[in-house]
Amino acid sequence: MEVHAALARLSRNRLLALFTAVLAELSLIRVPAEAEADTAAVHGKIADAVLAGDASLARHRMSRHLRALAP
């Protein structure tokens, strides 16, 4: 969940950063070891879009990531 906290901090939204930190502490979601590399790659692509200032691409990548996690 570190990437989520980092993205929240980058938003400069203190409430979002706090909420994300609390959620990370309480979360029961864990990435299976066999999926860690894929998850890290997706998180990296989202972070790249955020750092590039491309909100549309970041939003698109985040939406795809969240849809892939849905049951």
Protein backbone atom coordinates (compact mmCIF):
# COMPACT_ATOMS: atom_id res chain seq x y z
CA MET A 1 0.00 0.00 0.00
CA GLU A 2 3.04 2.28 -0.01
CA VAL A 3 2.32 3.46 -3.54
CA HIS A 4 -1.17 4.52 -2.51
CA ALA A 5 0.20 6.61 0.35
CA ALA A 6 2.81 8.16 -1.96
CA LEU A 7 0.18 9.09 -4.55
CA ALA A 8 -1.99 10.60 -1.83
CA ARG A 9 0.94 12.69 -0.58
CA LEU A 10 1.65 13.86 -4.14
CA SER A 11 -1.92 15.13 -4.33
CA ARG A 12 -1.06 17.59 -1.53
CA ASN A 13 -4.45 16.77 -0.06
CA ARG A 14 -3.74 16.27 3.64
CA LEU A 15 -7.12 14.64 4.30
CA LEU A 16 -6.64 12.16 1.45
CA ALA A 17 -3.12 11.36 2.69
CA LEU A 18 -4.40 10.74 6.21
CA PHE A 19 -7.32 8.63 4.98
CA THR A 20 -5.00 6.57 2.79
CA ALA A 21 -2.57 5.98 5.65
CA VAL A 22 -5.38 4.82 7.95
CA LEU A 23 -6.87 2.63 5.24
CA ALA A 24 -3.49 1.03 4.59
CA GLU A 25 -3.15 0.18 8.27
CA LEU A 26 -6.61 -1.36 8.42
CA SER A 27 -6.59 -3.08 5.05
CA LEU A 28 -6.79 -6.83 4.79
CA ILE A 29 -5.89 -6.70 1.09
CA ARG A 30 -2.57 -8.31 0.36
CA VAL A 31 -1.01 -8.89 -3.05
CA PRO A 32 -0.19 -12.55 -3.63
CA ALA A 33 3.54 -13.14 -4.11
CA GLU A 34 3.02 -14.35 -7.68
CA ALA A 35 1.27 -11.08 -8.61
CA GLU A 36 3.75 -8.68 -6.99
CA ALA A 37 5.74 -7.96 -10.17
CA ASP A 38 2.61 -7.24 -12.23
CA THR A 39 1.16 -5.06 -9.48
CA ALA A 40 4.41 -3.13 -9.13
CA ALA A 41 4.48 -2.53 -12.90
CA VAL A 42 0.90 -1.21 -12.91
CA HIS A 43 1.60 1.01 -9.91
CA GLY A 44 4.72 2.30 -11.65
CA LYS A 45 2.74 3.24 -14.76
CA ILE A 46 0.17 5.09 -12.67
CA ALA A 47 2.92 6.93 -10.80
CA ASP A 48 4.67 7.82 -14.08
CA ALA A 49 1.48 9.43 -15.38
CA VAL A 50 1.01 11.38 -12.14
CA LEU A 51 4.61 12.59 -12.12
CA ALA A 52 4.31 13.60 -15.77
CA GLY A 53 1.29 15.71 -14.86
CA ASP A 54 -1.00 13.71 -17.14
CA ALA A 55 -4.14 13.52 -15.02
CA SER A 56 -6.21 11.95 -17.79
CA LEU A 57 -3.75 9.10 -18.29
CA ALA A 58 -3.32 8.61 -14.54
CA ARG A 59 -7.10 8.45 -14.10
CA HIS A 60 -7.40 5.97 -16.97
CA ARG A 61 -4.65 3.73 -15.60
CA MET A 62 -6.08 3.86 -12.08
CA SER A 63 -9.56 2.99 -13.36
CA ARG A 64 -8.19 -0.01 -15.26
CA HIS A 65 -6.25 -1.11 -12.19
CA LEU A 66 -9.32 -0.90 -9.95
CA ARG A 67 -11.54 -2.70 -12.48
CA ALA A 68 -9.00 -5.52 -12.68
CA LEU A 69 -9.21 -5.93 -8.89
CA ALA A 70 -13.01 -6.13 -8.79
CA PRO A 71 -14.43 -9.58 -8.09
